[in-house]
Protein backbone atom coordinates (compact mmCIF):
# COMPACT_ATOMS: atom_id res chain seq x y z
CA UNK A 1 0.00 0.00 0.00
CA UNK A 2 2.82 2.45 0.86
CA UNK A 3 4.52 1.68 -2.44
CA UNK A 4 1.26 2.38 -4.30
CA UNK A 5 0.88 5.74 -2.52
CA UNK A 6 4.51 6.59 -3.33
CA UNK A 7 4.00 5.77 -7.04
CA UNK A 8 0.89 7.94 -7.08
CA UNK A 9 2.81 10.87 -5.57
CA UNK A 10 5.56 10.41 -8.19
CA UNK A 11 3.01 10.45 -11.03
CA UNK A 12 1.31 13.53 -9.57
CA UNK A 13 4.68 15.28 -9.24
CA UNK A 14 5.67 14.36 -12.79
CA UNK A 15 2.45 15.71 -14.35
CA UNK A 16 3.26 19.43 -13.84
CA UNK A 17 6.98 18.76 -14.49
CA UNK A 18 8.07 19.68 -10.96
CA UNK A 19 11.77 20.47 -10.73
CA UNK A 20 12.02 21.38 -14.42
CA UNK A 21 12.40 24.85 -15.87
CA UNK A 22 9.28 25.51 -17.96
CA UNK A 23 9.22 27.14 -21.37
CA UNK A 24 9.04 30.91 -21.45
CA UNK A 25 5.48 32.21 -20.85
CA UNK A 26 3.69 33.26 -24.01
CA UNK A 27 0.66 35.53 -24.19
CA UNK A 28 -2.52 33.82 -25.27
CA UNK A 29 -5.85 35.11 -26.46
CA UNK A 30 -8.33 34.93 -23.58
CA UNK A 31 -12.09 35.17 -23.82
CA UNK A 32 -13.74 36.00 -20.50
CA UNK A 33 -17.35 34.89 -20.17
CA UNK A 34 -19.51 36.43 -17.44
CA UNK A 35 -22.86 34.90 -16.47
CA UNK A 36 -25.40 37.72 -16.12
CA UNK A 37 -28.81 37.35 -14.52
CA UNK A 38 -29.61 41.04 -14.10
CA UNK A 39 -28.04 44.45 -14.56
CA UNK A 40 -26.88 45.65 -11.15
CA UNK A 41 -23.77 46.61 -9.16
CA UNK A 42 -22.56 43.01 -9.05
CA UNK A 43 -22.79 42.77 -12.85
CA UNK A 44 -20.97 46.09 -13.25
CA UNK A 45 -18.12 45.00 -10.99
CA UNK A 46 -17.85 41.64 -12.76
CA UNK A 47 -17.75 43.19 -16.24
CA UNK A 48 -15.11 45.70 -15.08
CA UNK A 49 -12.97 42.88 -13.67
CA UNK A 50 -13.46 40.80 -16.83
CA UNK A 51 -12.33 43.68 -19.05
CA UNK A 52 -9.05 43.79 -17.12
CA UNK A 53 -8.54 40.01 -17.38
CA UNK A 54 -9.13 39.17 -21.00
CA UNK A 55 -8.77 40.21 -24.60
CA UNK A 56 -12.45 39.69 -25.28
CA UNK A 57 -15.37 39.80 -22.83
CA UNK A 58 -18.80 38.30 -23.39
CA UNK A 59 -21.84 38.30 -21.13
CA UNK A 60 -24.18 35.31 -21.16
CA UNK A 61 -27.72 35.19 -19.78
CA UNK A 62 -29.71 32.00 -19.39
CA UNK A 63 -33.45 32.60 -19.37
CA UNK A 64 -36.49 30.47 -18.79
CA UNK A 65 -39.81 31.92 -19.88
CA UNK A 66 -41.69 30.77 -16.78
CA UNK A 67 -39.11 31.71 -14.09
CA UNK A 68 -40.98 34.22 -11.95
CA UNK A 69 -38.05 34.70 -9.52
CA UNK A 70 -35.76 36.16 -12.18
CA UNK A 71 -36.12 39.29 -14.28
CA UNK A 72 -37.70 38.58 -17.66
CA UNK A 73 -35.54 38.37 -20.76
CA UNK A 74 -37.10 41.62 -21.99
CA UNK A 75 -36.32 43.43 -18.72
CA UNK A 76 -32.67 42.33 -18.77
CA UNK A 77 -32.42 43.22 -22.47
CA UNK A 78 -33.83 46.72 -21.87
CA UNK A 79 -31.58 47.29 -18.86
CA UNK A 80 -28.51 46.05 -20.78
CA UNK A 81 -29.25 48.35 -23.73
CA UNK A 82 -29.81 51.32 -21.40
CA UNK A 83 -26.56 50.59 -19.55
CA UNK A 84 -24.46 50.02 -22.73
CA UNK A 85 -21.36 48.41 -21.17
CA UNK A 86 -19.69 47.85 -24.55
CA UNK A 87 -19.77 44.07 -24.06
CA UNK A 88 -21.84 41.75 -26.25
CA UNK A 89 -24.49 39.70 -24.45
CA UNK A 90 -25.76 36.31 -25.57
CA UNK A 91 -29.12 35.04 -24.39
CA UNK A 92 -29.51 31.29 -23.99
CA UNK A 93 -32.94 29.74 -23.52
CA UNK A 94 -33.49 26.87 -21.13
CA UNK A 95 -36.65 24.80 -21.34
CA UNK A 96 -35.85 22.93 -18.11
CA UNK A 97 -34.93 25.89 -15.85
CA UNK A 98 -31.36 24.58 -15.89
CA UNK A 99 -28.59 27.15 -15.70
CA UNK A 100 -25.54 24.85 -16.05
CA UNK A 101 -26.52 22.79 -19.10
CA UNK A 102 -27.06 25.64 -21.61
CA UNK A 103 -24.09 27.54 -20.19
CA UNK A 104 -21.76 24.52 -20.52
CA UNK A 105 -23.05 23.82 -24.04
CA UNK A 106 -22.31 27.44 -24.93
CA UNK A 107 -18.76 27.17 -23.57
CA UNK A 108 -18.17 23.98 -25.54
CA UNK A 109 -19.36 25.67 -28.74
CA UNK A 110 -17.12 28.64 -27.99
CA UNK A 111 -14.13 26.35 -27.43
CA UNK A 112 -14.83 24.56 -30.71
CA UNK A 113 -14.49 27.84 -32.62
CA UNK A 114 -10.71 27.76 -31.91
CA UNK A 115 -10.37 31.55 -32.05
CA UNK A 116 -9.03 31.71 -28.52
CA UNK A 117 -6.37 29.94 -26.52
CA UNK A 118 -8.16 30.07 -23.19
CA UNK A 119 -11.71 30.56 -21.94
CA UNK A 120 -12.10 32.12 -18.51
CA UNK A 121 -15.47 32.13 -16.77
CA UNK A 122 -15.83 34.87 -14.18
CA UNK A 123 -18.65 34.06 -11.76
CA UNK A 124 -19.71 37.08 -9.67
CA UNK A 125 -20.98 36.32 -6.18
CA UNK A 126 -22.08 38.32 -3.17
CA UNK A 127 -20.13 37.84 0.04
CA UNK A 128 -22.44 38.72 2.91
CA UNK A 129 -21.03 39.67 6.32
CA UNK A 130 -22.46 36.86 8.46
CA UNK A 131 -22.29 33.09 7.83
CA UNK A 132 -26.01 32.63 8.46
CA UNK A 133 -26.74 35.28 5.81
CA UNK A 134 -24.58 33.40 3.31
CA UNK A 135 -26.72 30.31 3.84
CA UNK A 136 -29.72 32.29 2.57
CA UNK A 137 -28.08 33.03 -0.78
CA UNK A 138 -28.83 30.92 -3.80
CA UNK A 139 -26.00 28.59 -4.76
CA UNK A 140 -26.05 29.19 -8.52
CA UNK A 141 -22.36 30.10 -8.56
CA UNK A 142 -21.33 26.84 -6.92
CA UNK A 143 -23.62 24.78 -9.16
CA UNK A 144 -22.28 26.51 -12.27
CA UNK A 145 -18.69 26.09 -11.05
CA UNK A 146 -19.10 22.30 -10.62
CA UNK A 147 -20.72 21.86 -14.04
CA UNK A 148 -18.02 23.89 -15.81
CA UNK A 149 -15.21 21.99 -14.06
CA UNK A 150 -16.79 18.65 -14.87
CA UNK A 151 -17.58 19.28 -18.54
CA UNK A 152 -15.11 21.87 -19.91
CA UNK A 153 -11.49 22.97 -19.72
CA UNK A 154 -12.42 26.58 -18.95
CA UNK A 155 -10.61 28.40 -16.18
CA UNK A 156 -13.02 29.47 -13.45
CA UNK A 157 -12.73 32.61 -11.38
CA UNK A 158 -15.29 33.06 -8.62
CA UNK A 159 -15.27 36.75 -7.84
CA UNK A 160 -16.77 37.54 -4.46
CA UNK A 161 -17.85 41.07 -3.70
CA UNK A 162 -18.36 42.12 -0.10
CA UNK A 163 -21.85 43.39 0.48
CA UNK A 164 -22.48 45.58 3.51
CA UNK A 165 -26.03 45.48 4.79
CA UNK A 166 -27.52 48.44 6.59
CA UNK A 167 -29.39 47.95 9.86
């Protein structure tokens, strides 16, 4: 058993070429994809961060026609056009109220275009001050993170913004 563990550690160490001098870093074309559910401060901060991270930034909204908890596609479209962030926005439709599946399919299609070297997904999240408040948040970011890791080679950046609540 110890020998098996040792072999595993050797294989893990060999994978990233530990102890070797890597090739010189080369710039690559990065597309940063930002999931957008609404136009608000969180979206603004995420788009600003994405513009500083990549060569190309794209916003992606997943909508379901019967989702009463989310802004309608028309409301988000109108708010996006009024805001004019200078970033193209793609709207994906989900018949099953699934956020991850259409988003992952979109990333796969984007990767297949081979116009970029790396896809980065920037997931904006609120960071509330108290742990019990964080439990009340929806977990869309975590669900999306797991699906992207499982089904794509995209780099994931979960960007947490501190939210201060008034009394």
